[in-house]
Amino acid sequence: MNEQNFIHRRESVWKEFSKLVAGNRKELKKGAVPFVQKFREITQDLNTAKTYGYDPAIIERLNTLVNEGNQILYAQRGWSLKKPLRFILFTFPQKVRSQWRGILAVSLLFYGIAGFFFLMCIRFTNIAEELVSAQTLNQLEEMYNPESRNFITPRDAGSDADMFGFYIYNNISIAFRVFAGGILAGIGSLLILCFNAGFLGIITGHLLNAGYANTLFPFIIAHSAFEMTAIVFSAYAGMLLGYRFFVRRGLSRGDSIKKAGQDALPIIAGSTLMLVIAAVIEAFWSSKHQFPLMLRISVGVSMWILLLVYFLFAGRKYTAGKENEHSV
């Protein structure tokens, strides 16, 4: 192909592509399809120019356009706080409120089972030894014994960081098992949730019987607000997906799962964030036994109140604004 004919035929495409590349993001989105088409054509033009040995200036011009197109197509966009903040302040609490009946039912089940086994252990002081291994009970007693090494020798910053990693792994793994158990029509999530609730009640009752209330409650009260709530949310999300797999309400199985995912996935994503927060609190605050008892209790109670207020009121103004927009 003659070089002059080549330039004459393709010059207009190159100029249009240059304008698209130089335009702002909004203009580029509007011209997304023409952009991709022209990018492919210019890539082919570059190959043609190289094959026929055209003027190096033409090859350099086309190479520049291809590089600019590559940057737009494949370069990572700058990270923005807008979407994470929108999720935290609006999407997550709104989604929890939209599923409040199911979440309330799962919460009552979890705390009801935990309370039942707690009262059983308080009433029958030896029952914990029948339900939990002696090794596990001894380890927990050592953990909350005010005369143990945990209390006599406070952890340093490096140990706190190590424990943060452990708590992250432990919390996320529990939540994942609870959520993944939903694949068995939600029954797996239900069973794992009940097991964890029973274990929580037994251990709490046993440690109170052992006289460790003053070390147990100041340690667990702050991070448990996020941790236990997130586990309940994870169980509900798993049960919802498993339930909708079989109970489709007139939808195809694919559409039913998609609808359940729209409700469950924001909840499990928010639960993961809550478990990270719980791990931070547990590693860097809950273990600080040197702080005054009333301060630790007050902070713990504040965490529960803060979480309740967040799920009751966060995102309500945004919801009202959207409803007003749709009504106009």
Protein backbone atom coordinates (compact mmCIF):
# COMPACT_ATOMS: atom_id res chain seq x y z
CA MET A 1 0.00 0.00 0.00
CA ASN A 2 1.32 3.46 -0.94
CA GLU A 3 2.32 5.53 2.13
CA GLN A 4 0.52 8.68 1.00
CA ASN A 5 -2.69 6.77 0.26
CA PHE A 6 -2.40 5.08 3.64
CA ILE A 7 -2.10 8.42 5.46
CA HIS A 8 -4.90 9.98 3.41
CA ARG A 9 -7.30 7.10 4.18
CA ARG A 10 -6.52 6.85 7.89
CA GLU A 11 -5.76 10.44 8.96
CA SER A 12 -9.34 11.24 10.02
CA VAL A 13 -9.50 8.16 12.29
CA TRP A 14 -6.25 9.12 13.99
CA LYS A 15 -7.49 12.65 14.66
CA GLU A 16 -10.80 11.40 16.08
CA PHE A 17 -8.98 8.97 18.33
CA SER A 18 -6.65 11.76 19.54
CA LYS A 19 -9.69 13.82 20.53
CA LEU A 20 -11.18 10.88 22.45
CA VAL A 21 -7.90 10.30 24.29
CA ALA A 22 -7.56 13.98 25.16
CA GLY A 23 -11.17 14.29 26.36
CA ASN A 24 -12.36 14.01 29.94
CA ARG A 25 -13.68 10.81 31.54
CA LYS A 26 -17.35 11.63 30.97
CA GLU A 27 -16.83 12.21 27.26
CA LEU A 28 -14.78 9.01 27.04
CA LYS A 29 -17.58 6.98 28.66
CA LYS A 30 -20.08 8.33 26.14
CA GLY A 31 -17.75 7.33 23.31
CA ALA A 32 -16.64 4.02 24.83
CA VAL A 33 -17.69 1.85 21.87
CA PRO A 34 -16.13 4.11 19.17
CA PHE A 35 -13.01 4.36 21.34
CA VAL A 36 -12.51 0.59 21.44
CA GLN A 37 -13.22 0.23 17.71
CA LYS A 38 -10.78 2.99 16.77
CA PHE A 39 -8.16 1.62 19.17
CA ARG A 40 -8.27 -1.73 17.37
CA GLU A 41 -8.01 0.00 13.97
CA ILE A 42 -5.03 2.11 15.06
CA THR A 43 -3.29 -0.94 16.47
CA GLN A 44 -3.70 -2.56 13.07
CA ASP A 45 -2.48 0.64 11.37
CA LEU A 46 0.68 0.53 13.51
CA ASN A 47 1.33 -3.06 12.46
CA THR A 48 0.77 -2.11 8.81
CA ALA A 49 3.17 0.85 9.04
CA LYS A 50 5.86 -1.33 10.58
CA THR A 51 5.35 -4.10 8.02
CA TYR A 52 5.71 -1.78 5.00
CA GLY A 53 8.51 0.28 6.57
CA TYR A 54 6.72 3.64 6.44
CA ASP A 55 8.19 6.92 7.67
CA PRO A 56 9.43 6.58 11.31
CA ALA A 57 7.46 9.73 12.18
CA ILE A 58 4.22 7.96 11.19
CA ILE A 59 5.18 4.87 13.21
CA GLU A 60 6.05 7.04 16.22
CA ARG A 61 2.73 8.90 15.97
CA LEU A 62 0.74 5.66 15.82
CA ASN A 63 2.81 4.11 18.60
CA THR A 64 2.02 7.10 20.82
CA LEU A 65 -1.70 6.75 20.14
CA VAL A 66 -1.61 3.02 20.91
CA ASN A 67 0.25 3.63 24.19
CA GLU A 68 -2.25 6.29 25.24
CA GLY A 69 -5.11 3.93 24.40
CA ASN A 70 -3.47 1.14 26.39
CA GLN A 71 -3.14 3.37 29.45
CA ILE A 72 -6.83 4.25 29.31
CA LEU A 73 -7.97 0.66 28.75
CA TYR A 74 -5.71 -1.17 31.16
CA ALA A 75 -4.22 1.28 33.65
CA GLN A 76 -5.63 1.09 37.19
CA ARG A 77 -7.72 4.03 38.22
CA GLY A 78 -6.77 6.01 41.31
CA TRP A 79 -8.19 4.66 44.53
CA SER A 80 -11.07 6.66 45.97
CA LEU A 81 -12.70 6.70 49.39
CA LYS A 82 -16.08 7.49 47.90
CA LYS A 83 -17.31 3.93 47.27
CA PRO A 84 -16.09 2.41 50.58
CA LEU A 85 -17.60 5.30 52.53
CA ARG A 86 -20.86 5.01 50.62
CA PHE A 87 -20.98 1.31 51.47
CA ILE A 88 -20.23 1.88 55.17
CA LEU A 89 -22.52 4.88 55.66
CA PHE A 90 -25.44 3.85 53.46
CA THR A 91 -25.47 0.47 51.70
CA PHE A 92 -24.55 -1.83 54.60
CA PRO A 93 -26.91 -0.44 57.29
CA GLN A 94 -29.75 -0.07 54.76
CA LYS A 95 -29.37 -3.69 53.67
CA VAL A 96 -29.35 -4.89 57.29
CA ARG A 97 -32.53 -2.93 58.02
CA SER A 98 -34.19 -4.33 54.92
CA GLN A 99 -33.60 -7.85 56.31
CA TRP A 100 -34.38 -7.03 59.94
CA ARG A 101 -36.98 -9.75 60.47
CA GLY A 102 -34.67 -12.59 59.44
CA ILE A 103 -31.69 -11.09 61.26
CA LEU A 104 -33.76 -10.61 64.42
CA ALA A 105 -34.88 -14.25 64.30
CA VAL A 106 -31.29 -15.49 63.91
CA SER A 107 -30.13 -13.14 66.71
CA LEU A 108 -32.79 -14.44 69.10
CA LEU A 109 -31.79 -18.01 68.25
CA PHE A 110 -28.08 -17.32 68.83
CA TYR A 111 -28.43 -15.42 72.10
CA GLY A 112 -31.24 -17.69 73.26
CA ILE A 113 -29.08 -20.81 72.92
CA ALA A 114 -26.09 -19.06 74.48
CA GLY A 115 -28.26 -17.87 77.38
CA PHE A 116 -29.74 -21.34 77.90
CA PHE A 117 -26.35 -23.05 78.20
CA PHE A 118 -25.03 -20.20 80.34
CA LEU A 119 -27.85 -20.65 82.85
CA MET A 120 -27.41 -24.42 82.77
CA CYS A 121 -23.73 -24.03 83.67
CA ILE A 122 -24.55 -21.59 86.46
CA ARG A 123 -27.20 -23.94 87.87
CA PHE A 124 -25.24 -27.17 87.40
CA THR A 125 -21.60 -26.23 87.96
CA ASN A 126 -20.12 -29.50 86.69
CA ILE A 127 -21.99 -29.66 83.38
CA ALA A 128 -19.24 -27.83 81.47
CA GLU A 129 -16.87 -30.71 82.15
CA GLU A 130 -19.33 -33.07 80.47
CA LEU A 131 -19.71 -30.92 77.36
CA VAL A 132 -16.21 -29.50 76.78
CA SER A 133 -12.85 -31.22 77.01
CA ALA A 134 -10.78 -30.70 80.16
CA GLN A 135 -7.87 -29.41 78.08
CA THR A 136 -9.99 -26.64 76.55
CA LEU A 137 -11.37 -25.63 79.94
CA ASN A 138 -7.87 -25.53 81.46
CA GLN A 139 -6.58 -23.36 78.62
CA LEU A 140 -9.44 -20.90 79.04
CA GLU A 141 -9.01 -20.78 82.80
CA GLU A 142 -5.32 -20.01 82.30
CA MET A 143 -6.24 -17.24 79.85
CA TYR A 144 -8.52 -15.43 82.32
CA ASN A 145 -6.75 -16.26 85.57
CA PRO A 146 -5.53 -12.92 87.03
CA GLU A 147 -2.50 -14.75 88.45
CA SER A 148 -1.43 -16.11 85.05
CA ARG A 149 1.39 -14.84 82.85
CA ASN A 150 -1.15 -13.05 80.61
CA PHE A 151 -1.91 -10.60 83.39
CA ILE A 152 1.40 -10.43 85.22
CA THR A 153 3.39 -9.73 82.01
CA PRO A 154 1.46 -7.40 79.64
CA ARG A 155 2.02 -7.89 75.90
CA ASP A 156 4.29 -5.52 73.99
CA ALA A 157 3.41 -3.84 70.69
CA GLY A 158 4.94 -6.64 68.64
CA SER A 159 2.89 -9.26 70.44
CA ASP A 160 -0.25 -7.18 69.95
CA ALA A 161 0.42 -7.12 66.19
CA ASP A 162 0.96 -10.89 66.16
CA MET A 163 -2.30 -11.44 68.01
CA PHE A 164 -4.09 -9.10 65.61
CA GLY A 165 -3.10 -11.42 62.76
CA PHE A 166 -4.31 -14.43 64.72
CA TYR A 167 -7.64 -12.80 65.59
CA ILE A 168 -8.18 -11.82 61.94
CA TYR A 169 -7.61 -15.39 60.83
CA ASN A 170 -9.77 -16.85 63.60
CA ASN A 171 -12.68 -14.44 63.18
CA ILE A 172 -12.78 -14.58 59.40
CA SER A 173 -12.52 -18.39 59.37
CA ILE A 174 -15.48 -18.73 61.76
CA ALA A 175 -17.59 -16.30 59.74
CA PHE A 176 -16.67 -18.05 56.48
CA ARG A 177 -17.64 -21.48 57.86
CA VAL A 178 -20.93 -20.09 59.12
CA PHE A 179 -21.64 -18.43 55.77
CA ALA A 180 -20.47 -21.36 53.61
CA GLY A 181 -22.63 -23.76 55.62
CA GLY A 182 -25.62 -22.17 53.90
CA ILE A 183 -24.95 -24.28 50.81
CA LEU A 184 -26.81 -27.14 52.54
CA ALA A 185 -30.18 -25.37 52.23
CA GLY A 186 -29.12 -23.07 55.06
CA ILE A 187 -28.99 -25.98 57.53
CA GLY A 188 -25.19 -25.92 57.75
CA SER A 189 -25.16 -22.25 58.76
CA LEU A 190 -27.86 -22.92 61.33
CA LEU A 191 -25.99 -25.85 62.92
CA ILE A 192 -22.65 -24.03 63.06
CA LEU A 193 -24.33 -20.97 64.56
CA CYS A 194 -26.05 -23.07 67.22
CA PHE A 195 -22.79 -24.86 68.05
CA ASN A 196 -20.93 -21.57 68.52
CA ALA A 197 -23.78 -20.17 70.61
CA GLY A 198 -23.79 -23.22 72.88
CA PHE A 199 -20.01 -23.14 73.26
CA LEU A 200 -20.14 -19.42 74.12
CA GLY A 201 -22.77 -20.00 76.82
CA ILE A 202 -20.92 -22.96 78.33
CA ILE A 203 -17.56 -21.21 78.49
CA THR A 204 -19.01 -18.00 79.89
CA GLY A 205 -20.89 -19.89 82.61
CA HIS A 206 -17.85 -22.01 83.49
CA LEU A 207 -15.52 -19.01 83.81
CA LEU A 208 -18.03 -17.22 86.02
CA ASN A 209 -18.22 -20.30 88.24
CA ALA A 210 -14.42 -20.27 88.40
CA GLY A 211 -14.51 -16.68 89.71
CA TYR A 212 -13.05 -14.93 86.65
CA ALA A 213 -15.89 -12.49 85.95
CA ASN A 214 -13.66 -9.44 86.58
CA THR A 215 -11.19 -10.58 83.94
CA LEU A 216 -13.63 -12.11 81.45
CA PHE A 217 -16.16 -9.33 80.89
CA PRO A 218 -13.71 -6.40 80.64
CA PHE A 219 -11.82 -8.40 78.00
CA ILE A 220 -14.73 -9.49 75.79
CA ILE A 221 -17.26 -6.67 76.13
CA ALA A 222 -15.77 -4.23 73.60
CA HIS A 223 -14.80 -6.46 70.67
CA SER A 224 -17.73 -8.87 71.16
CA ALA A 225 -20.14 -6.18 69.93
CA PHE A 226 -18.62 -6.38 66.46
CA GLU A 227 -17.58 -10.03 66.53
CA MET A 228 -20.82 -11.66 67.64
CA THR A 229 -22.98 -9.36 65.53
CA ALA A 230 -20.88 -10.18 62.47
CA ILE A 231 -21.19 -13.92 63.12
CA VAL A 232 -24.98 -13.60 63.35
CA PHE A 233 -25.01 -11.60 60.09
CA SER A 234 -22.80 -14.20 58.38
CA ALA A 235 -25.11 -17.00 59.47
CA TYR A 236 -28.16 -15.14 58.20
CA ALA A 237 -26.49 -14.43 54.84
CA GLY A 238 -25.58 -18.11 54.44
CA MET A 239 -29.08 -19.27 55.40
CA LEU A 240 -30.64 -16.78 52.99
CA LEU A 241 -28.63 -18.03 50.03
CA GLY A 242 -29.27 -21.68 50.91
CA TYR A 243 -32.98 -21.07 51.42
CA ARG A 244 -33.41 -19.21 48.14
CA PHE A 245 -31.64 -22.00 46.27
CA PHE A 246 -34.61 -24.26 46.97
CA VAL A 247 -37.46 -21.81 47.68
CA ARG A 248 -37.59 -19.78 44.47
CA ARG A 249 -40.97 -18.03 44.78
CA GLY A 250 -41.76 -18.35 41.08
CA LEU A 251 -38.29 -17.36 39.90
CA SER A 252 -35.80 -19.52 38.06
CA ARG A 253 -33.09 -20.95 40.29
CA GLY A 254 -30.53 -18.59 38.77
CA ASP A 255 -32.72 -15.52 39.31
CA SER A 256 -33.56 -16.63 42.84
CA ILE A 257 -29.88 -17.00 43.75
CA LYS A 258 -29.12 -13.64 42.10
CA LYS A 259 -31.83 -11.92 44.14
CA ALA A 260 -30.59 -13.55 47.36
CA GLY A 261 -27.02 -12.55 46.51
CA GLN A 262 -28.07 -8.92 46.16
CA ASP A 263 -29.27 -9.07 49.76
CA ALA A 264 -26.68 -11.42 51.26
CA LEU A 265 -23.38 -10.28 49.73
CA PRO A 266 -23.44 -6.70 51.11
CA ILE A 267 -24.21 -8.18 54.54
CA ILE A 268 -21.32 -10.66 54.39
CA ALA A 269 -18.99 -7.92 53.10
CA GLY A 270 -19.99 -5.65 55.97
CA SER A 271 -19.60 -8.54 58.42
CA THR A 272 -16.02 -9.05 57.22
CA LEU A 273 -15.28 -5.39 57.91
CA MET A 274 -16.81 -5.72 61.39
CA LEU A 275 -14.60 -8.74 62.12
CA VAL A 276 -11.52 -6.75 61.16
CA ILE A 277 -12.62 -3.99 63.57
CA ALA A 278 -13.22 -6.64 66.25
CA ALA A 279 -9.70 -7.99 65.73
CA VAL A 280 -8.22 -4.50 66.08
CA ILE A 281 -10.09 -3.89 69.33
CA GLU A 282 -9.28 -7.34 70.72
CA ALA A 283 -5.56 -7.07 69.93
CA PHE A 284 -4.88 -3.46 70.90
CA TRP A 285 -7.53 -2.62 73.52
CA SER A 286 -9.19 -5.64 75.13
CA SER A 287 -5.89 -7.10 76.32
CA LYS A 288 -4.84 -3.92 78.15
CA HIS A 289 -5.49 -5.24 81.66
CA GLN A 290 -3.68 -2.27 83.21
CA PHE A 291 -6.53 0.08 82.29
CA PRO A 292 -9.14 0.81 84.99
CA LEU A 293 -12.00 -1.70 85.14
CA MET A 294 -14.78 0.88 84.83
CA LEU A 295 -13.11 2.48 81.81
CA ARG A 296 -12.97 -0.85 79.97
CA ILE A 297 -16.58 -1.66 80.84
CA SER A 298 -17.73 1.82 79.77
CA VAL A 299 -15.94 1.56 76.43
CA GLY A 300 -17.43 -1.89 75.88
CA VAL A 301 -20.97 -0.70 76.59
CA SER A 302 -20.37 2.27 74.29
CA MET A 303 -19.39 -0.11 71.47
CA TRP A 304 -22.72 -1.94 71.75
CA ILE A 305 -24.69 1.32 71.85
CA LEU A 306 -22.73 2.74 68.93
CA LEU A 307 -23.39 -0.36 66.84
CA LEU A 308 -27.12 -0.29 67.64
CA VAL A 309 -27.41 3.41 66.74
CA TYR A 310 -25.47 2.80 63.52
CA PHE A 311 -27.79 0.06 62.27
CA LEU A 312 -30.92 1.93 63.34
CA PHE A 313 -30.13 5.32 61.85
CA ALA A 314 -27.19 5.25 59.39
CA GLY A 315 -28.22 5.96 55.79
CA ARG A 316 -31.81 7.00 56.58
CA LYS A 317 -31.41 10.54 55.26
CA TYR A 318 -29.96 9.17 52.02
CA THR A 319 -32.88 6.75 51.64
CA ALA A 320 -35.41 9.53 52.15
CA GLY A 321 -33.59 11.68 49.59
CA LYS A 322 -33.71 8.90 47.01
CA GLU A 323 -37.41 8.34 47.59
CA ASN A 324 -38.08 12.04 47.08
CA GLU A 325 -36.06 12.00 43.85
CA HIS A 326 -38.09 9.08 42.49
CA SER A 327 -41.39 10.74 43.43
CA VAL A 328 -40.61 13.93 41.48
